[in-house]
Amino acid sequence: MPPSGGAAAPTAKLPATPAAGPGAAAGEPPRGGSRVYGRQRSGNSPVRPLRSSKGEPPPSGPRPPAAAGPKGPRRRPSGRTIAKIVAAVLAVLLVAAVGMFFWIDSRLAGIEGVLADYKGRPADTPGSNWLLVGSDSRKGLSAAQRRKLATGRSAGQRTDSMMLLHIPEGSDRPTLVSLPRDSAVTVFGKGRNKLNAAYAIGGPRLLAQTVETVTGVRVDHYMEIGFAGFVGIVDAIGGVEIDVRAAVDDPKAGLKLKKGRQVLDGGQALGYVRTRKGGALPDFERTKRQRQFLGAVVKKAASPGVLLNPFTSIPLAMSATEAVTVDDGTGAFDLLSLGLAMGDSPVTTVVPFGGSEIAGGGTAVRWDRAKAIRLFDALKEDKPVPKDILDAG
């Protein structure tokens, strides 16, 4: 009942429920959905209350891929890590170098007593002196190789080339002196003969004694190499480049070369140092080629491109140790010093000569005694050879 004496207060009205569709029964909820938060919801499933996700089990099924975010900067190795890697690499290289050094040293063949003392032997002098000998030994060559290399069938063993290398104690360049094999000398205890007769009569020891007594220079190291070893070393380093001064065609040496700079393989190199073709004095032209070639092959063998490459350094080491014979006091360290000296572009010359004489049943080269003495005195005193002597040679 409204309060007396006043106007009736307005009554709040709820919003009217939409009319049901035609045919709807009284009290039946309307079809087509219900309202959620005042908006019409599609579908007929009941509305579930909102629940906190805390504590709910993870939804079943595969998770959607996470959005790819920007990648962080790549971490660079620290200076300490780089230093450790470099140290490890250097350690491996050092171990390998030391191992190869001792392996080479164990493979060297030494000639016992080749530089033994004897009465009247020259005194020791400053620097180091090497007697380098190339022999014409066919040992290790098959019949087919002898034919291919045109080495012939000569029996026995003779010296094909002889050189005296002086390595000074100071900073001067080494000196390489050719000793022509047909030089007329007094063979130690055997009388007048050609120099190469000393080797044929008494082998390396008598040759070393003869070289020492005729030059007055004490030999500290002896090294010898034969034909087969010569070819193997050249092929192991991939040949050697030589500037051929004049075209050569020598069937006796199995050699045919054009003029100019070119790479020679082992067989060609052997023919190049053996041929007597060319020049007014063939034997002296031959000694020039021998010095030229020896310097080129040792310089290449000692180059980093050969030594640091296992595909060349290992075959070279195997060929060299099989081919080279040394005195029993020479080791791998001495050979290293020899290689470094030859790579230092030594001064090269030949013993000055002054005519000929008959010795050993044939014509031999007579040395110019005065100039030869000055040459060998310079080596004994560890001094550079005078220029006029070099020019004479």
Protein backbone atom coordinates (compact mmCIF):
# COMPACT_ATOMS: atom_id res chain seq x y z
CA MET A 1 0.00 0.00 0.00
CA PRO A 2 1.41 3.42 -0.91
CA PRO A 3 2.24 5.75 1.89
CA SER A 4 -0.56 8.11 2.67
CA GLY A 5 -0.43 11.72 1.79
CA GLY A 6 2.08 11.46 -1.04
CA ALA A 7 2.56 10.46 -4.63
CA ALA A 8 3.47 6.93 -5.38
CA ALA A 9 7.25 6.30 -5.78
CA PRO A 10 8.41 4.96 -9.15
CA THR A 11 9.05 1.25 -9.24
CA ALA A 12 12.38 -0.01 -10.85
CA LYS A 13 11.76 -2.24 -13.79
CA LEU A 14 13.95 -5.07 -14.99
CA PRO A 15 14.61 -5.24 -18.67
CA ALA A 16 12.02 -7.29 -20.44
CA THR A 17 12.93 -10.76 -21.53
CA PRO A 18 12.83 -11.07 -25.24
CA ALA A 19 9.86 -12.88 -26.49
CA ALA A 20 10.25 -16.45 -27.23
CA GLY A 21 10.05 -17.62 -30.69
CA PRO A 22 6.85 -18.96 -32.07
CA GLY A 23 5.76 -22.21 -30.59
CA ALA A 24 7.83 -21.88 -27.45
CA ALA A 25 6.35 -23.41 -24.41
CA ALA A 26 5.69 -21.36 -21.37
CA GLY A 27 8.65 -21.35 -18.96
CA GLU A 28 11.06 -22.85 -21.54
CA PRO A 29 14.28 -20.89 -22.01
CA PRO A 30 14.62 -19.23 -25.35
CA ARG A 31 16.42 -21.11 -28.10
CA GLY A 32 19.43 -19.81 -29.91
CA GLY A 33 21.67 -19.19 -26.88
CA SER A 34 21.88 -16.97 -23.87
CA ARG A 35 23.48 -13.71 -22.89
CA VAL A 36 26.93 -13.34 -21.38
CA TYR A 37 27.86 -9.99 -19.92
CA GLY A 38 24.86 -8.47 -21.69
CA ARG A 39 25.76 -9.81 -25.15
CA GLN A 40 24.21 -12.61 -27.09
CA ARG A 41 26.34 -15.82 -26.96
CA SER A 42 26.22 -18.26 -29.79
CA GLY A 43 25.78 -21.98 -29.18
CA ASN A 44 23.70 -23.95 -26.71
CA SER A 45 26.43 -25.31 -24.36
CA PRO A 46 26.20 -24.16 -20.78
CA VAL A 47 28.35 -21.28 -19.68
CA ARG A 48 31.26 -22.33 -17.47
CA PRO A 49 32.46 -20.01 -14.78
CA LEU A 50 35.85 -18.42 -15.14
CA ARG A 51 38.57 -20.13 -13.11
CA SER A 52 42.08 -19.19 -12.22
CA SER A 53 44.74 -20.98 -14.29
CA LYS A 54 46.81 -21.50 -11.17
CA GLY A 55 46.94 -25.17 -10.31
CA GLU A 56 45.21 -26.29 -13.51
CA PRO A 57 46.76 -29.17 -15.42
CA PRO A 58 48.50 -28.17 -18.66
CA PRO A 59 46.24 -28.29 -21.69
CA SER A 60 46.44 -31.45 -23.74
CA GLY A 61 47.77 -31.49 -27.30
CA PRO A 62 50.78 -29.86 -28.88
CA ARG A 63 51.76 -26.43 -27.76
CA PRO A 64 51.91 -23.67 -30.31
CA PRO A 65 55.47 -22.79 -31.34
CA ALA A 66 57.04 -20.02 -29.38
CA ALA A 67 57.59 -16.81 -31.21
CA ALA A 68 61.18 -16.57 -32.48
CA GLY A 69 62.92 -13.73 -30.78
CA PRO A 70 66.18 -12.02 -31.86
CA LYS A 71 69.30 -14.17 -31.30
CA GLY A 72 71.99 -12.93 -28.99
CA PRO A 73 75.51 -12.11 -30.31
CA ARG A 74 77.76 -15.17 -30.96
CA ARG A 75 80.38 -15.59 -28.30
CA ARG A 76 83.93 -15.25 -29.58
CA PRO A 77 86.74 -17.35 -28.07
CA SER A 78 88.68 -15.47 -25.47
CA GLY A 79 92.33 -14.57 -25.85
CA ARG A 80 93.20 -17.18 -23.27
CA THR A 81 91.47 -19.91 -25.30
CA ILE A 82 93.27 -18.85 -28.50
CA ALA A 83 96.60 -18.88 -26.67
CA LYS A 84 95.96 -22.43 -25.45
CA ILE A 85 95.12 -23.60 -28.98
CA VAL A 86 98.26 -21.98 -30.44
CA ALA A 87 100.40 -23.48 -27.68
CA ALA A 88 98.94 -26.95 -28.32
CA VAL A 89 99.62 -26.71 -32.08
CA LEU A 90 103.20 -25.53 -31.49
CA ALA A 91 103.77 -28.37 -29.03
CA VAL A 92 102.57 -30.94 -31.58
CA LEU A 93 104.81 -29.45 -34.29
CA LEU A 94 107.78 -29.41 -31.92
CA VAL A 95 107.30 -33.04 -30.94
CA ALA A 96 106.96 -34.01 -34.63
CA ALA A 97 110.11 -32.06 -35.56
CA VAL A 98 112.15 -33.60 -32.75
CA GLY A 99 110.86 -37.06 -33.63
CA MET A 100 111.79 -36.62 -37.31
CA PHE A 101 115.21 -35.27 -36.33
CA PHE A 102 116.08 -38.39 -34.33
CA TRP A 103 114.53 -40.63 -36.99
CA ILE A 104 116.75 -39.08 -39.68
CA ASP A 105 119.80 -39.31 -37.41
CA SER A 106 119.17 -43.03 -36.81
CA ARG A 107 118.94 -43.73 -40.56
CA LEU A 108 122.25 -42.07 -41.54
CA ALA A 109 124.94 -44.46 -42.74
CA GLY A 110 128.38 -43.56 -41.38
CA ILE A 111 131.78 -44.60 -42.76
CA GLU A 112 134.00 -45.59 -39.86
CA GLY A 113 137.43 -43.96 -39.69
CA VAL A 114 137.11 -41.90 -42.87
CA LEU A 115 138.45 -38.82 -41.03
CA ALA A 116 140.77 -40.59 -38.62
CA ASP A 117 143.95 -38.82 -37.52
CA TYR A 118 147.26 -39.58 -39.21
CA LYS A 119 150.79 -38.28 -39.07
CA GLY A 120 151.14 -34.87 -40.70
CA ARG A 121 147.41 -34.09 -40.71
CA PRO A 122 146.67 -30.33 -40.93
CA ALA A 123 145.69 -28.63 -37.66
CA ASP A 124 142.13 -27.63 -36.89
CA THR A 125 141.14 -24.18 -38.20
CA PRO A 126 138.22 -21.78 -37.59
CA GLY A 127 134.95 -22.53 -39.33
CA SER A 128 133.74 -25.86 -40.66
CA ASN A 129 134.95 -27.66 -43.80
CA TRP A 130 132.98 -30.26 -45.78
CA LEU A 131 134.29 -32.60 -48.48
CA LEU A 132 131.30 -33.23 -50.76
CA VAL A 133 131.68 -36.17 -53.15
CA GLY A 134 129.45 -37.37 -55.95
CA SER A 135 130.31 -40.94 -56.92
CA ASP A 136 129.42 -42.80 -60.09
CA SER A 137 128.16 -45.81 -58.14
CA ARG A 138 125.32 -47.64 -59.92
CA LYS A 139 124.25 -49.34 -56.68
CA GLY A 140 120.46 -49.38 -56.38
CA LEU A 141 119.83 -48.93 -60.12
CA SER A 142 118.17 -51.69 -62.11
CA ALA A 143 119.31 -52.60 -65.63
CA ALA A 144 116.34 -50.68 -67.06
CA GLN A 145 117.20 -47.60 -64.99
CA ARG A 146 120.83 -47.76 -66.13
CA ARG A 147 119.71 -47.78 -69.75
CA LYS A 148 117.23 -44.93 -69.18
CA LEU A 149 119.75 -42.78 -67.32
CA ALA A 150 122.62 -43.72 -69.66
CA THR A 151 124.92 -44.51 -66.73
CA GLY A 152 126.63 -47.43 -68.48
CA ARG A 153 127.76 -50.68 -66.87
CA SER A 154 131.02 -49.60 -65.28
CA ALA A 155 132.00 -51.79 -62.36
CA GLY A 156 133.48 -50.47 -59.17
CA GLN A 157 133.08 -46.95 -57.89
CA ARG A 158 134.82 -43.68 -58.73
CA THR A 159 134.35 -40.03 -57.83
CA ASP A 160 132.41 -38.06 -60.40
CA SER A 161 132.62 -34.70 -58.63
CA MET A 162 134.42 -33.29 -55.58
CA MET A 163 133.85 -29.99 -53.80
CA LEU A 164 135.23 -28.35 -50.68
CA LEU A 165 132.69 -26.25 -48.75
CA HIS A 166 133.93 -23.81 -46.10
CA ILE A 167 131.34 -22.49 -43.61
CA PRO A 168 132.82 -19.51 -41.73
CA GLU A 169 132.33 -18.81 -38.05
CA GLY A 170 131.34 -15.19 -38.68
CA SER A 171 128.76 -13.58 -40.91
CA ASP A 172 130.65 -14.02 -44.19
CA ARG A 173 129.10 -16.16 -46.91
CA PRO A 174 130.21 -19.79 -47.27
CA THR A 175 132.68 -20.67 -50.04
CA LEU A 176 132.21 -23.66 -52.36
CA VAL A 177 135.32 -24.75 -54.30
CA SER A 178 135.25 -27.35 -57.07
CA LEU A 179 138.17 -29.79 -57.13
CA PRO A 180 138.37 -31.12 -60.72
CA ARG A 181 138.60 -34.90 -60.65
CA ASP A 182 141.38 -34.85 -63.28
CA SER A 183 143.58 -32.56 -61.18
CA ALA A 184 147.24 -33.65 -61.01
CA VAL A 185 148.05 -34.10 -57.31
CA THR A 186 150.26 -36.15 -55.02
CA VAL A 187 148.03 -38.90 -53.70
CA PHE A 188 148.77 -39.44 -50.01
CA GLY A 189 151.46 -42.14 -49.80
CA LYS A 190 151.00 -43.17 -53.46
CA GLY A 191 152.81 -40.62 -55.61
CA ARG A 192 151.68 -38.37 -58.45
CA ASN A 193 148.29 -39.18 -59.98
CA LYS A 194 144.87 -37.74 -60.77
CA LEU A 195 142.74 -36.72 -57.80
CA ASN A 196 139.98 -39.22 -58.48
CA ALA A 197 142.56 -42.03 -58.42
CA ALA A 198 142.81 -41.55 -54.65
CA TYR A 199 139.22 -42.74 -54.26
CA ALA A 200 139.69 -45.61 -56.68
CA ILE A 201 142.80 -46.81 -54.82
CA GLY A 202 141.87 -46.27 -51.16
CA GLY A 203 138.23 -45.17 -50.99
CA PRO A 204 136.88 -42.21 -49.00
CA ARG A 205 139.63 -42.27 -46.38
CA LEU A 206 142.53 -41.96 -48.86
CA LEU A 207 140.59 -39.28 -50.79
CA ALA A 208 140.09 -37.22 -47.61
CA GLN A 209 143.77 -37.57 -46.67
CA THR A 210 144.84 -36.50 -50.17
CA VAL A 211 142.54 -33.44 -50.20
CA GLU A 212 143.82 -32.38 -46.78
CA THR A 213 147.52 -32.72 -47.67
CA VAL A 214 147.31 -30.93 -51.04
CA THR A 215 145.14 -28.06 -49.76
CA GLY A 216 146.35 -27.74 -46.16
CA VAL A 217 142.68 -27.52 -45.10
CA ARG A 218 141.47 -29.93 -42.42
CA VAL A 219 138.23 -31.70 -43.40
CA ASP A 220 135.62 -31.76 -40.59
CA HIS A 221 132.80 -33.58 -42.40
CA TYR A 222 132.55 -35.98 -45.34
CA MET A 223 129.40 -36.60 -47.41
CA GLU A 224 129.00 -38.81 -50.47
CA ILE A 225 126.06 -39.51 -52.79
CA GLY A 226 125.69 -41.94 -55.73
CA PHE A 227 123.71 -41.81 -58.97
CA ALA A 228 120.59 -43.53 -57.62
CA GLY A 229 120.40 -41.31 -54.56
CA PHE A 230 120.95 -38.21 -56.66
CA VAL A 231 117.92 -39.00 -58.82
CA GLY A 232 115.76 -39.88 -55.81
CA ILE A 233 116.43 -36.63 -53.96
CA VAL A 234 115.63 -34.46 -56.98
CA ASP A 235 112.39 -36.31 -57.67
CA ALA A 236 111.41 -36.16 -53.97
CA ILE A 237 111.39 -32.34 -54.04
CA GLY A 238 109.49 -32.21 -57.33
CA GLY A 239 112.45 -31.33 -59.56
CA VAL A 240 114.68 -28.28 -59.47
CA GLU A 241 114.72 -25.15 -61.62
CA ILE A 242 117.93 -24.53 -63.56
CA ASP A 243 118.87 -21.79 -66.02
CA VAL A 244 120.50 -23.78 -68.83
CA ARG A 245 123.05 -21.45 -70.42
CA ALA A 246 123.21 -23.25 -73.78
CA ALA A 247 121.23 -26.04 -75.44
CA VAL A 248 122.63 -29.51 -74.67
CA ASP A 249 122.37 -32.67 -76.76
CA ASP A 250 124.49 -35.45 -75.24
CA PRO A 251 123.39 -39.06 -75.93
CA LYS A 252 126.17 -40.38 -73.68
CA ALA A 253 124.60 -38.59 -70.71
CA GLY A 254 121.06 -39.30 -71.92
CA LEU A 255 120.38 -35.58 -72.08
CA LYS A 256 118.69 -33.21 -74.49
CA LEU A 257 117.83 -29.76 -73.13
CA LYS A 258 116.87 -26.47 -74.68
CA LYS A 259 118.39 -23.17 -73.61
CA GLY A 260 116.67 -21.22 -70.84
CA ARG A 261 115.17 -21.60 -67.37
CA GLN A 262 113.37 -24.91 -66.84
CA VAL A 263 112.56 -27.51 -64.19
CA LEU A 264 114.67 -30.68 -64.42
CA ASP A 265 113.59 -34.02 -63.02
CA GLY A 266 116.02 -36.49 -61.44
CA GLY A 267 117.13 -38.13 -64.69
CA GLN A 268 117.67 -34.82 -66.48
CA ALA A 269 119.53 -33.39 -63.49
CA LEU A 270 121.89 -36.36 -63.44
CA GLY A 271 122.67 -35.90 -67.13
CA TYR A 272 123.13 -32.15 -66.62
CA VAL A 273 125.89 -32.54 -64.03
CA ARG A 274 127.58 -35.41 -65.91
CA THR A 275 127.72 -34.04 -69.46
CA ARG A 276 131.01 -32.75 -70.81
CA LYS A 277 129.39 -30.95 -73.74
CA GLY A 278 129.84 -27.22 -74.18
CA GLY A 279 132.56 -24.69 -73.44
CA ALA A 280 136.18 -24.41 -74.47
CA LEU A 281 137.19 -26.34 -71.32
CA PRO A 282 134.48 -29.01 -70.87
CA ASP A 283 135.70 -30.26 -67.48
CA PHE A 284 135.61 -26.79 -65.98
CA GLU A 285 132.20 -26.06 -67.50
CA ARG A 286 131.10 -29.29 -65.88
CA THR A 287 132.26 -28.14 -62.44
CA LYS A 288 130.28 -24.90 -62.91
CA ARG A 289 127.12 -26.86 -63.64
CA GLN A 290 127.73 -29.07 -60.62
CA ARG A 291 128.07 -26.08 -58.29
CA GLN A 292 125.05 -24.41 -59.87
CA PHE A 293 122.93 -27.50 -59.48
CA LEU A 294 124.06 -28.36 -55.94
CA GLY A 295 123.17 -24.87 -54.74
CA ALA A 296 119.75 -25.00 -56.42
CA VAL A 297 118.77 -28.44 -55.10
CA VAL A 298 119.88 -27.80 -51.50
CA LYS A 299 118.21 -24.38 -51.46
CA LYS A 300 114.90 -25.85 -52.59
CA ALA A 301 115.17 -28.81 -50.22
CA ALA A 302 115.66 -26.39 -47.30
CA SER A 303 112.76 -24.12 -48.30
CA PRO A 304 109.65 -23.90 -46.04
CA GLY A 305 107.43 -25.10 -48.88
CA VAL A 306 109.29 -28.43 -48.89
CA LEU A 307 110.17 -28.84 -45.22
CA LEU A 308 106.71 -27.93 -43.84
CA ASN A 309 104.85 -30.13 -46.32
CA PRO A 310 104.81 -33.76 -45.11
CA PHE A 311 104.13 -34.98 -48.65
CA THR A 312 107.55 -33.65 -49.72
CA SER A 313 109.59 -33.55 -46.49
CA ILE A 314 109.05 -37.23 -45.60
CA PRO A 315 109.95 -38.59 -49.09
CA LEU A 316 112.93 -36.22 -49.12
CA ALA A 317 114.13 -37.47 -45.72
CA MET A 318 113.75 -41.09 -46.82
CA SER A 319 115.56 -40.53 -50.13
CA ALA A 320 118.35 -38.50 -48.55
CA THR A 321 119.07 -40.96 -45.75
CA GLU A 322 119.09 -43.87 -48.21
CA ALA A 323 121.34 -42.05 -50.68
CA VAL A 324 123.77 -40.14 -48.50
CA THR A 325 126.82 -41.63 -46.76
CA VAL A 326 128.71 -39.57 -44.18
CA ASP A 327 131.65 -39.96 -41.83
CA ASP A 328 130.82 -41.60 -38.51
CA GLY A 329 131.07 -38.26 -36.65
CA THR A 330 128.45 -36.45 -38.74
CA GLY A 331 124.81 -36.40 -37.64
CA ALA A 332 121.48 -34.83 -38.57
CA PHE A 333 122.35 -31.53 -36.87
CA ASP A 334 125.47 -31.21 -39.04
CA LEU A 335 123.42 -31.88 -42.17
CA LEU A 336 121.03 -29.13 -41.08
CA SER A 337 123.93 -26.67 -40.84
CA LEU A 338 125.07 -27.80 -44.30
CA GLY A 339 121.62 -27.14 -45.74
CA LEU A 340 121.45 -23.69 -44.16
CA ALA A 341 124.91 -22.83 -45.51
CA MET A 342 124.01 -23.92 -49.04
CA GLY A 343 120.79 -21.93 -48.82
CA ASP A 344 122.85 -18.83 -48.01
CA SER A 345 124.02 -18.47 -51.63
CA PRO A 346 127.68 -19.43 -51.14
CA VAL A 347 130.51 -17.91 -53.13
CA THR A 348 131.46 -20.47 -55.77
CA THR A 349 134.73 -21.00 -57.61
CA VAL A 350 137.14 -23.64 -58.87
CA VAL A 351 140.81 -24.18 -58.07
CA PRO A 352 142.80 -21.89 -60.43
CA PHE A 353 144.68 -23.95 -63.01
CA GLY A 354 147.77 -23.24 -65.08
CA GLY A 355 148.27 -25.82 -67.80
CA SER A 356 148.44 -29.59 -67.88
CA GLU A 357 150.78 -32.49 -67.20
CA ILE A 358 150.90 -36.25 -67.59
CA ALA A 359 149.76 -38.07 -64.48
CA GLY A 360 148.21 -41.46 -63.94
CA GLY A 361 148.82 -42.49 -67.52
CA GLY A 362 146.94 -39.55 -69.04
CA THR A 363 146.68 -35.78 -69.31
CA ALA A 364 145.81 -34.11 -66.03
CA VAL A 365 145.03 -30.52 -64.99
CA ARG A 366 147.87 -28.67 -63.27
CA TRP A 367 146.86 -26.15 -60.59
CA ASP A 368 148.27 -22.61 -60.55
CA ARG A 369 150.28 -23.19 -57.39
CA ALA A 370 150.59 -19.56 -56.25
CA LYS A 371 146.90 -18.77 -56.69
CA ALA A 372 145.81 -22.12 -55.25
CA ILE A 373 147.85 -21.45 -52.09
CA ARG A 374 146.18 -18.03 -51.66
CA LEU A 375 142.76 -19.63 -52.11
CA PHE A 376 143.28 -22.34 -49.51
CA ASP A 377 145.07 -19.98 -47.09
CA ALA A 378 141.96 -17.77 -47.09
CA LEU A 379 139.83 -20.80 -46.15
CA LYS A 380 142.25 -21.83 -43.38
CA GLU A 381 142.24 -18.30 -41.94
CA ASP A 382 138.43 -18.10 -42.19
CA LYS A 383 138.64 -15.07 -44.47
CA PRO A 384 136.89 -14.22 -47.77
CA VAL A 385 138.72 -15.45 -50.86
CA PRO A 386 140.43 -12.58 -52.72
CA LYS A 387 138.43 -11.36 -55.69
CA ASP A 388 141.23 -11.88 -58.22
CA ILE A 389 141.39 -15.53 -57.20
CA LEU A 390 137.61 -15.91 -57.64
CA ASP A 391 137.84 -14.31 -61.07
CA ALA A 392 140.69 -16.63 -62.01
CA GLY A 393 138.56 -19.59 -61.00
